[in-house]
Each structure stands twice: as structure tokens, then as C-alpha cells.
Amino acid sequence: MLENDNKHILIVEDDLEICRLLDMFLRSKGYQVSLSNSGTEGLADIIRLEPDLVVLDIMMPGMNGIEVCQKSRETYTGPIIMLTACSEEISEISALDTGADGYLHKPLRPHILLSHIEALLRRESRSKKNDNELNHTGGLTIDTLKRQVKCNDEEVILTGAEYEMLEYLAKQAGTIVSRDECYRALKGIEFDGLDRALDMRLSSLRKKIKDDIAPYQIIKTIRCKGYLFVKQ
């Protein structure tokens, strides 16, 4: 199990029984846990508490999880796992497109949630241990000390997952990285061939760094091989 150093998990969920069970389970694993029972309350707590990770339900009355995720990403860069009782692909795409790092379907299995939490926290921990350096390509600058990205001298606000993908590819500039390698490095688990999280993350990342019109100038997709961060 990951040495969690008493990491703080915020659960935003309107089902009080699910909250109670997850609270007990995660505390038994050594985590600090805070609970929010509505979207409005959850958004305020994300900003106020700055937790290490957020578990966020999509279907809530009033402000739903998609809206909370989207608004929180204006300032919050930590991992967000979204929960959904809906099996429709559009819900998964919406979750990832608004900045979630992953999603799980209900009914929720606590040990599966725990494995996703630990994988995302490992990713965050590895990033903080990386050597400090600057990478440039065209008008893009990546400051790994500050975890800050600028495009033509304007700061680009990325989610934690988007930043991790950009930094990972940039550190291997000039080398083709396969989807499997990228998936293992960023999620800490094997690629199952079905998860579309990387595709959605790359699409969102390209939009933010103004590289979303083919032929791509910064991050190229090499057919049947993987991704290439252009070395300049």
C-alpha cells in the first residue's frame, strides 16, 4: 500500500450512506477524510481545504459533479476521481473533458477506489521528486520546479493529469512513447485497451497549449506507435 503520509481525501457525495462507508474505509487505511453532501458545498470545500485528492459524484441535485469539476479546475490542480451511476459514454467523456483524472461506476467497490486513489497519489509524488528543469518547444515553456506552463508567455492552467502528461512527454522529447508506456507512467496501472482517458486528456491538453489543429506542432500522434513531443 502507498505510504499516504496522512493524505487528505475530500468526498463530495449526496448519498449519506456512501459517505459514511467511504469515510470509515479510508480512515481505516490512514487517510484524513472530509465530507461534502452537495455540489455547492463541495466546490467551496475544494477551494477552502485544498485536499490531496477529490472523490466527486456526478449526479447531485443543484450543482452537479461536472459543473463542480469544471469550476474547481480554475484553481485546483489535484487529482479528481468522478463517480457515476450512468453507463452512458457521454458521462465518461464529459467527466474527462472537464478535468477529471478518472471515473468509476457505481455500485462502488471500496478496494477498487482505493487502488485508483493510490495510483493517482503515486503519480503526484513521483512528479514532485523529478529534477527541476525547463523544457521549450516553440512558444511553450514548462517549469518543472513551479509546475508552471506558459504558452507565448501566458500562463496555461492545466489539471494535474494534463500537466503530468505534458511533462512526461516533454522529458522524452524526440522519442516516440507508446500508449501502453504513457498509460503505465501516468496511471500506475496497466492499459486495458478500453480506457479513453488518455485520448480525452491529450485532446484537452492540445486545446490549452494551442496545438489542436492538425498537423500538430508540439505533440504529434504517430499512427500505430504512440505520441511524440517534438524536439526543438
C-alpha atoms as a PDB file:
ATOM      1  CA  MET A   1       0.000   0.000   0.000  1.00  0.00           C
ATOM      2  CA  LEU A   2       1.101   3.562  -0.661  1.00  0.00           C
ATOM      3  CA  GLU A   3       2.620   5.386   2.300  1.00  0.00           C
ATOM      4  CA  ASN A   4      -0.052   8.040   2.352  1.00  0.00           C
ATOM      5  CA  ASP A   5       1.535  10.353   4.961  1.00  0.00           C
ATOM      6  CA  ASN A   6      -1.982  11.101   6.189  1.00  0.00           C
ATOM      7  CA  LYS A   7      -3.111  12.409   2.807  1.00  0.00           C
ATOM      8  CA  HIS A   8      -6.366  14.345   2.802  1.00  0.00           C
ATOM      9  CA  ILE A   9      -9.269  12.994   0.717  1.00  0.00           C
ATOM     10  CA  LEU A  10     -12.413  15.054   0.108  1.00  0.00           C
ATOM     11  CA  ILE A  11     -15.561  13.078  -0.762  1.00  0.00           C
ATOM     12  CA  VAL A  12     -18.328  15.066  -2.471  1.00  0.00           C
ATOM     13  CA  GLU A  13     -21.401  12.822  -2.480  1.00  0.00           C
ATOM     14  CA  ASP A  14     -25.066  13.417  -1.601  1.00  0.00           C
ATOM     15  CA  ASP A  15     -25.707   9.783  -0.593  1.00  0.00           C
ATOM     16  CA  LEU A  16     -25.078   9.860   3.157  1.00  0.00           C
ATOM     17  CA  GLU A  17     -24.658   6.085   3.439  1.00  0.00           C
ATOM     18  CA  ILE A  18     -21.969   6.022   0.755  1.00  0.00           C
ATOM     19  CA  CYS A  19     -20.242   8.907   2.526  1.00  0.00           C
ATOM     20  CA  ARG A  20     -20.350   7.050   5.840  1.00  0.00           C
ATOM     21  CA  LEU A  21     -18.926   3.842   4.388  1.00  0.00           C
ATOM     22  CA  LEU A  22     -16.150   5.566   2.419  1.00  0.00           C
ATOM     23  CA  ASP A  23     -15.277   7.700   5.424  1.00  0.00           C
ATOM     24  CA  MET A  24     -14.861   4.619   7.626  1.00  0.00           C
ATOM     25  CA  PHE A  25     -12.975   2.665   4.959  1.00  0.00           C
ATOM     26  CA  LEU A  26     -10.483   5.388   4.004  1.00  0.00           C
ATOM     27  CA  ARG A  27      -9.844   6.364   7.623  1.00  0.00           C
ATOM     28  CA  SER A  28      -9.058   2.707   8.343  1.00  0.00           C
ATOM     29  CA  LYS A  29      -6.361   2.980   5.646  1.00  0.00           C
ATOM     30  CA  GLY A  30      -4.793   6.009   7.324  1.00  0.00           C
ATOM     31  CA  TYR A  31      -6.276   8.859   5.292  1.00  0.00           C
ATOM     32  CA  GLN A  32      -7.747  12.104   6.534  1.00  0.00           C
ATOM     33  CA  VAL A  33     -11.277  12.405   5.169  1.00  0.00           C
ATOM     34  CA  SER A  34     -13.647  15.352   4.737  1.00  0.00           C
ATOM     35  CA  LEU A  35     -17.229  15.048   3.501  1.00  0.00           C
ATOM     36  CA  SER A  36     -19.402  17.374   1.439  1.00  0.00           C
ATOM     37  CA  ASN A  37     -23.020  16.494   0.669  1.00  0.00           C
ATOM     38  CA  SER A  38     -23.816  18.863  -2.202  1.00  0.00           C
ATOM     39  CA  GLY A  39     -22.134  20.298  -5.249  1.00  0.00           C
ATOM     40  CA  THR A  40     -22.160  23.848  -3.914  1.00  0.00           C
ATOM     41  CA  GLU A  41     -20.674  22.773  -0.585  1.00  0.00           C
ATOM     42  CA  GLY A  42     -18.153  20.558  -2.369  1.00  0.00           C
ATOM     43  CA  LEU A  43     -16.871  23.343  -4.596  1.00  0.00           C
ATOM     44  CA  ALA A  44     -16.391  25.608  -1.601  1.00  0.00           C
ATOM     45  CA  ASP A  45     -14.549  22.843   0.296  1.00  0.00           C
ATOM     46  CA  ILE A  46     -12.242  22.056  -2.627  1.00  0.00           C
ATOM     47  CA  ILE A  47     -11.154  25.690  -2.709  1.00  0.00           C
ATOM     48  CA  ARG A  48     -11.015  26.085   1.082  1.00  0.00           C
ATOM     49  CA  LEU A  49      -9.411  22.770   2.076  1.00  0.00           C
ATOM     50  CA  GLU A  50      -7.143  22.139  -0.937  1.00  0.00           C
ATOM     51  CA  PRO A  51      -7.291  18.346  -0.408  1.00  0.00           C
ATOM     52  CA  ASP A  52      -4.715  15.977  -1.862  1.00  0.00           C
ATOM     53  CA  LEU A  53      -7.449  14.222  -3.874  1.00  0.00           C
ATOM     54  CA  VAL A  54     -11.191  14.637  -4.526  1.00  0.00           C
ATOM     55  CA  VAL A  55     -13.768  11.869  -4.992  1.00  0.00           C
ATOM     56  CA  LEU A  56     -16.691  13.565  -6.749  1.00  0.00           C
ATOM     57  CA  ASP A  57     -20.141  12.182  -7.598  1.00  0.00           C
ATOM     58  CA  ILE A  58     -21.580  13.313 -10.932  1.00  0.00           C
ATOM     59  CA  MET A  59     -25.301  13.087 -10.188  1.00  0.00           C
ATOM     60  CA  MET A  60     -26.167  15.545  -7.424  1.00  0.00           C
ATOM     61  CA  PRO A  61     -29.086  17.963  -7.086  1.00  0.00           C
ATOM     62  CA  GLY A  62     -28.405  21.604  -7.839  1.00  0.00           C
ATOM     63  CA  MET A  63     -24.793  21.911  -8.987  1.00  0.00           C
ATOM     64  CA  ASN A  64     -23.785  18.526 -10.408  1.00  0.00           C
ATOM     65  CA  GLY A  65     -20.344  16.961 -10.375  1.00  0.00           C
ATOM     66  CA  ILE A  66     -19.491  18.020 -13.929  1.00  0.00           C
ATOM     67  CA  GLU A  67     -20.093  21.664 -13.005  1.00  0.00           C
ATOM     68  CA  VAL A  68     -18.139  21.318  -9.759  1.00  0.00           C
ATOM     69  CA  CYS A  69     -15.188  19.767 -11.577  1.00  0.00           C
ATOM     70  CA  GLN A  70     -15.182  22.436 -14.261  1.00  0.00           C
ATOM     71  CA  LYS A  71     -15.369  25.351 -11.818  1.00  0.00           C
ATOM     72  CA  SER A  72     -12.831  23.872  -9.385  1.00  0.00           C
ATOM     73  CA  ARG A  73     -10.273  23.489 -12.174  1.00  0.00           C
ATOM     74  CA  GLU A  74      -9.916  27.263 -12.297  1.00  0.00           C
ATOM     75  CA  THR A  75      -7.709  26.948  -9.209  1.00  0.00           C
ATOM     76  CA  TYR A  76      -7.460  23.301  -8.069  1.00  0.00           C
ATOM     77  CA  THR A  77      -4.858  21.088  -9.792  1.00  0.00           C
ATOM     78  CA  GLY A  78      -5.001  17.952  -7.621  1.00  0.00           C
ATOM     79  CA  PRO A  79      -6.439  14.602  -8.774  1.00  0.00           C
ATOM     80  CA  ILE A  80     -10.216  14.228  -9.140  1.00  0.00           C
ATOM     81  CA  ILE A  81     -11.958  10.849  -9.405  1.00  0.00           C
ATOM     82  CA  MET A  82     -15.563  11.051 -10.557  1.00  0.00           C
ATOM     83  CA  LEU A  83     -18.290   8.570  -9.620  1.00  0.00           C
ATOM     84  CA  THR A  84     -21.207   7.837 -11.893  1.00  0.00           C
ATOM     85  CA  ALA A  85     -24.233   5.567 -11.781  1.00  0.00           C
ATOM     86  CA  CYS A  86     -24.749   6.192 -15.505  1.00  0.00           C
ATOM     87  CA  SER A  87     -23.193   3.788 -18.005  1.00  0.00           C
ATOM     88  CA  GLU A  88     -23.527   6.145 -20.955  1.00  0.00           C
ATOM     89  CA  GLU A  89     -20.238   7.005 -22.640  1.00  0.00           C
ATOM     90  CA  ILE A  90     -21.181  10.684 -22.770  1.00  0.00           C
ATOM     91  CA  SER A  91     -20.968  10.892 -18.970  1.00  0.00           C
ATOM     92  CA  GLU A  92     -17.426   9.492 -19.031  1.00  0.00           C
ATOM     93  CA  ILE A  93     -16.374  11.834 -21.826  1.00  0.00           C
ATOM     94  CA  SER A  94     -17.897  14.833 -20.026  1.00  0.00           C
ATOM     95  CA  ALA A  95     -16.088  13.906 -16.815  1.00  0.00           C
ATOM     96  CA  LEU A  96     -12.696  13.666 -18.508  1.00  0.00           C
ATOM     97  CA  ASP A  97     -13.252  16.683 -20.722  1.00  0.00           C
ATOM     98  CA  THR A  98     -13.954  18.917 -17.732  1.00  0.00           C
ATOM     99  CA  GLY A  99     -10.751  17.903 -15.948  1.00  0.00           C
ATOM    100  CA  ALA A 100     -11.317  14.635 -14.079  1.00  0.00           C
ATOM    101  CA  ASP A 101      -8.348  12.267 -13.807  1.00  0.00           C
ATOM    102  CA  GLY A 102     -10.530   9.175 -13.876  1.00  0.00           C
ATOM    103  CA  TYR A 103     -14.008   7.809 -13.267  1.00  0.00           C
ATOM    104  CA  LEU A 104     -15.572   4.801 -11.569  1.00  0.00           C
ATOM    105  CA  HIS A 105     -19.016   3.296 -11.973  1.00  0.00           C
ATOM    106  CA  LYS A 106     -21.439   2.616  -9.160  1.00  0.00           C
ATOM    107  CA  PRO A 107     -22.120   0.408  -7.288  1.00  0.00           C
ATOM    108  CA  LEU A 108     -18.725   1.345  -5.909  1.00  0.00           C
ATOM    109  CA  ARG A 109     -16.220  -1.214  -4.631  1.00  0.00           C
ATOM    110  CA  PRO A 110     -14.077   0.484  -1.961  1.00  0.00           C
ATOM    111  CA  HIS A 111     -10.926  -1.529  -2.718  1.00  0.00           C
ATOM    112  CA  ILE A 112     -11.105  -0.571  -6.404  1.00  0.00           C
ATOM    113  CA  LEU A 113     -11.497   3.078  -5.423  1.00  0.00           C
ATOM    114  CA  LEU A 114      -8.511   2.711  -3.089  1.00  0.00           C
ATOM    115  CA  SER A 115      -6.324   1.334  -5.898  1.00  0.00           C
ATOM    116  CA  HIS A 116      -7.191   4.345  -8.079  1.00  0.00           C
ATOM    117  CA  ILE A 117      -6.542   6.773  -5.222  1.00  0.00           C
ATOM    118  CA  GLU A 118      -3.139   5.233  -4.550  1.00  0.00           C
ATOM    119  CA  ALA A 119      -2.181   5.213  -8.241  1.00  0.00           C
ATOM    120  CA  LEU A 120      -3.018   8.908  -8.620  1.00  0.00           C
ATOM    121  CA  LEU A 121      -1.208   9.871  -5.416  1.00  0.00           C
ATOM    122  CA  ARG A 122       1.860   7.890  -6.524  1.00  0.00           C
ATOM    123  CA  ARG A 123       1.827   9.873  -9.750  1.00  0.00           C
ATOM    124  CA  GLU A 124       1.695  13.148  -7.836  1.00  0.00           C
ATOM    125  CA  SER A 125       4.506  12.002  -5.552  1.00  0.00           C
ATOM    126  CA  ARG A 126       6.765  10.980  -8.457  1.00  0.00           C
ATOM    127  CA  SER A 127       6.260  14.333 -10.104  1.00  0.00           C
ATOM    128  CA  LYS A 128       7.352  16.256  -7.014  1.00  0.00           C
ATOM    129  CA  LYS A 129      10.585  14.226  -6.900  1.00  0.00           C
ATOM    130  CA  ASN A 130      11.525  14.992 -10.525  1.00  0.00           C
ATOM    131  CA  ASP A 131      14.629  17.048 -11.215  1.00  0.00           C
ATOM    132  CA  ASN A 132      13.915  20.719 -11.794  1.00  0.00           C
ATOM    133  CA  GLU A 133      14.383  21.781 -15.400  1.00  0.00           C
ATOM    134  CA  LEU A 134      12.946  23.871 -18.179  1.00  0.00           C
ATOM    135  CA  ASN A 135      11.695  22.463 -21.479  1.00  0.00           C
ATOM    136  CA  HIS A 136      10.930  24.594 -24.503  1.00  0.00           C
ATOM    137  CA  THR A 137       9.290  23.935 -27.838  1.00  0.00           C
ATOM    138  CA  GLY A 138       8.189  26.899 -29.898  1.00  0.00           C
ATOM    139  CA  GLY A 139       6.304  29.258 -27.612  1.00  0.00           C
ATOM    140  CA  LEU A 140       5.788  26.620 -24.908  1.00  0.00           C
ATOM    141  CA  THR A 141       7.703  26.706 -21.629  1.00  0.00           C
ATOM    142  CA  ILE A 142       7.490  24.108 -18.856  1.00  0.00           C
ATOM    143  CA  ASP A 143       8.904  24.967 -15.443  1.00  0.00           C
ATOM    144  CA  THR A 144       9.027  21.689 -13.512  1.00  0.00           C
ATOM    145  CA  LEU A 145      10.098  23.401 -10.294  1.00  0.00           C
ATOM    146  CA  LYS A 146       6.952  25.507 -10.138  1.00  0.00           C
ATOM    147  CA  ARG A 147       4.865  23.028 -12.190  1.00  0.00           C
ATOM    148  CA  GLN A 148       4.037  26.017 -14.340  1.00  0.00           C
ATOM    149  CA  VAL A 149       3.327  26.051 -18.082  1.00  0.00           C
ATOM    150  CA  LYS A 150       3.352  29.099 -20.310  1.00  0.00           C
ATOM    151  CA  CYS A 151       2.379  29.456 -23.941  1.00  0.00           C
ATOM    152  CA  ASN A 152       3.771  32.588 -25.615  1.00  0.00           C
ATOM    153  CA  ASP A 153       4.448  33.989 -22.117  1.00  0.00           C
ATOM    154  CA  GLU A 154       0.833  33.476 -20.987  1.00  0.00           C
ATOM    155  CA  GLU A 155       0.245  31.027 -18.136  1.00  0.00           C
ATOM    156  CA  VAL A 156      -1.693  27.914 -19.096  1.00  0.00           C
ATOM    157  CA  ILE A 157      -3.905  26.422 -16.368  1.00  0.00           C
ATOM    158  CA  LEU A 158      -3.680  22.640 -16.550  1.00  0.00           C
ATOM    159  CA  THR A 159      -5.168  19.932 -14.383  1.00  0.00           C
ATOM    160  CA  GLY A 160      -2.740  17.711 -12.504  1.00  0.00           C
ATOM    161  CA  ALA A 161      -3.321  14.919 -15.018  1.00  0.00           C
ATOM    162  CA  GLU A 162      -2.780  17.209 -18.014  1.00  0.00           C
ATOM    163  CA  TYR A 163       0.420  18.607 -16.540  1.00  0.00           C
ATOM    164  CA  GLU A 164       1.742  15.113 -15.812  1.00  0.00           C
ATOM    165  CA  MET A 165       1.121  14.035 -19.394  1.00  0.00           C
ATOM    166  CA  LEU A 166       2.806  17.128 -20.831  1.00  0.00           C
ATOM    167  CA  GLU A 167       5.832  16.852 -18.566  1.00  0.00           C
ATOM    168  CA  TYR A 168       6.186  13.105 -19.172  1.00  0.00           C
ATOM    169  CA  LEU A 169       6.181  13.523 -22.949  1.00  0.00           C
ATOM    170  CA  ALA A 170       8.392  16.634 -22.848  1.00  0.00           C
ATOM    171  CA  LYS A 171      11.069  14.815 -20.847  1.00  0.00           C
ATOM    172  CA  GLN A 172      11.228  12.272 -23.663  1.00  0.00           C
ATOM    173  CA  ALA A 173      11.221  14.842 -26.460  1.00  0.00           C
ATOM    174  CA  GLY A 174      12.230  13.348 -29.786  1.00  0.00           C
ATOM    175  CA  THR A 175      11.287   9.810 -28.709  1.00  0.00           C
ATOM    176  CA  ILE A 176       8.037   8.066 -29.589  1.00  0.00           C
ATOM    177  CA  VAL A 177       6.195   6.976 -26.444  1.00  0.00           C
ATOM    178  CA  SER A 178       3.674   4.157 -26.859  1.00  0.00           C
ATOM    179  CA  ARG A 179       0.155   4.374 -25.454  1.00  0.00           C
ATOM    180  CA  ASP A 180       0.970   1.500 -23.087  1.00  0.00           C
ATOM    181  CA  GLU A 181       4.081   3.256 -21.756  1.00  0.00           C
ATOM    182  CA  CYS A 182       2.198   6.508 -21.326  1.00  0.00           C
ATOM    183  CA  TYR A 183      -0.698   4.813 -19.553  1.00  0.00           C
ATOM    184  CA  ARG A 184       1.557   2.936 -17.124  1.00  0.00           C
ATOM    185  CA  ALA A 185       3.606   6.033 -16.331  1.00  0.00           C
ATOM    186  CA  LEU A 186       0.625   8.312 -15.756  1.00  0.00           C
ATOM    187  CA  LYS A 187      -1.896   5.997 -14.098  1.00  0.00           C
ATOM    188  CA  GLY A 188       0.357   3.462 -12.396  1.00  0.00           C
ATOM    189  CA  ILE A 189      -1.655   0.549 -13.790  1.00  0.00           C
ATOM    190  CA  GLU A 190      -1.679  -1.485 -16.998  1.00  0.00           C
ATOM    191  CA  PHE A 191      -3.635  -0.232 -20.022  1.00  0.00           C
ATOM    192  CA  ASP A 192      -6.735  -2.362 -20.571  1.00  0.00           C
ATOM    193  CA  GLY A 193      -7.205  -1.349 -24.195  1.00  0.00           C
ATOM    194  CA  LEU A 194     -10.556   0.296 -23.467  1.00  0.00           C
ATOM    195  CA  ASP A 195      -9.940   3.312 -21.239  1.00  0.00           C
ATOM    196  CA  ARG A 196     -10.311   6.543 -23.245  1.00  0.00           C
ATOM    197  CA  ALA A 197      -8.869   8.760 -20.516  1.00  0.00           C
ATOM    198  CA  LEU A 198      -5.579   9.340 -22.349  1.00  0.00           C
ATOM    199  CA  ASP A 199      -7.333  10.341 -25.568  1.00  0.00           C
ATOM    200  CA  MET A 200      -9.544  12.828 -23.732  1.00  0.00           C
ATOM    201  CA  ARG A 201      -6.623  14.162 -21.708  1.00  0.00           C
ATOM    202  CA  LEU A 202      -4.483  14.682 -24.803  1.00  0.00           C
ATOM    203  CA  SER A 203      -7.343  16.409 -26.625  1.00  0.00           C
ATOM    204  CA  SER A 204      -7.893  18.816 -23.716  1.00  0.00           C
ATOM    205  CA  LEU A 205      -4.148  19.408 -23.335  1.00  0.00           C
ATOM    206  CA  ARG A 206      -3.740  20.231 -27.007  1.00  0.00           C
ATOM    207  CA  LYS A 207      -6.527  22.803 -26.820  1.00  0.00           C
ATOM    208  CA  LYS A 208      -4.937  24.532 -23.838  1.00  0.00           C
ATOM    209  CA  ILE A 209      -1.458  24.748 -25.397  1.00  0.00           C
ATOM    210  CA  LYS A 210      -2.951  25.850 -28.746  1.00  0.00           C
ATOM    211  CA  ASP A 211      -1.841  22.724 -30.580  1.00  0.00           C
ATOM    212  CA  ASP A 212      -5.252  21.300 -31.508  1.00  0.00           C
ATOM    213  CA  ILE A 213      -5.190  21.811 -35.273  1.00  0.00           C
ATOM    214  CA  ALA A 214      -3.573  19.111 -37.423  1.00  0.00           C
ATOM    215  CA  PRO A 215      -0.793  18.754 -38.333  1.00  0.00           C
ATOM    216  CA  TYR A 216       0.160  19.138 -34.670  1.00  0.00           C
ATOM    217  CA  GLN A 217       3.322  21.122 -33.951  1.00  0.00           C
ATOM    218  CA  ILE A 218       4.082  20.150 -30.356  1.00  0.00           C
ATOM    219  CA  ILE A 219       2.592  16.724 -29.571  1.00  0.00           C
ATOM    220  CA  LYS A 220       2.224  14.501 -32.610  1.00  0.00           C
ATOM    221  CA  THR A 221       0.272  11.247 -32.767  1.00  0.00           C
ATOM    222  CA  ILE A 222       2.316   8.645 -34.626  1.00  0.00           C
ATOM    223  CA  ARG A 223      -0.096   6.135 -36.121  1.00  0.00           C
ATOM    224  CA  CYS A 224       0.097   2.659 -34.567  1.00  0.00           C
ATOM    225  CA  LYS A 225       3.099   3.738 -32.467  1.00  0.00           C
ATOM    226  CA  GLY A 226       2.176   6.404 -29.912  1.00  0.00           C
ATOM    227  CA  TYR A 227       2.942  10.034 -29.130  1.00  0.00           C
ATOM    228  CA  LEU A 228       5.905  12.247 -29.989  1.00  0.00           C
ATOM    229  CA  PHE A 229       6.801  15.512 -28.265  1.00  0.00           C
ATOM    230  CA  VAL A 230       8.625  17.479 -30.963  1.00  0.00           C
ATOM    231  CA  LYS A 231      12.216  18.238 -30.029  1.00  0.00           C
ATOM    232  CA  GLN A 232      13.474  21.717 -30.917  1.00  0.00           C
END
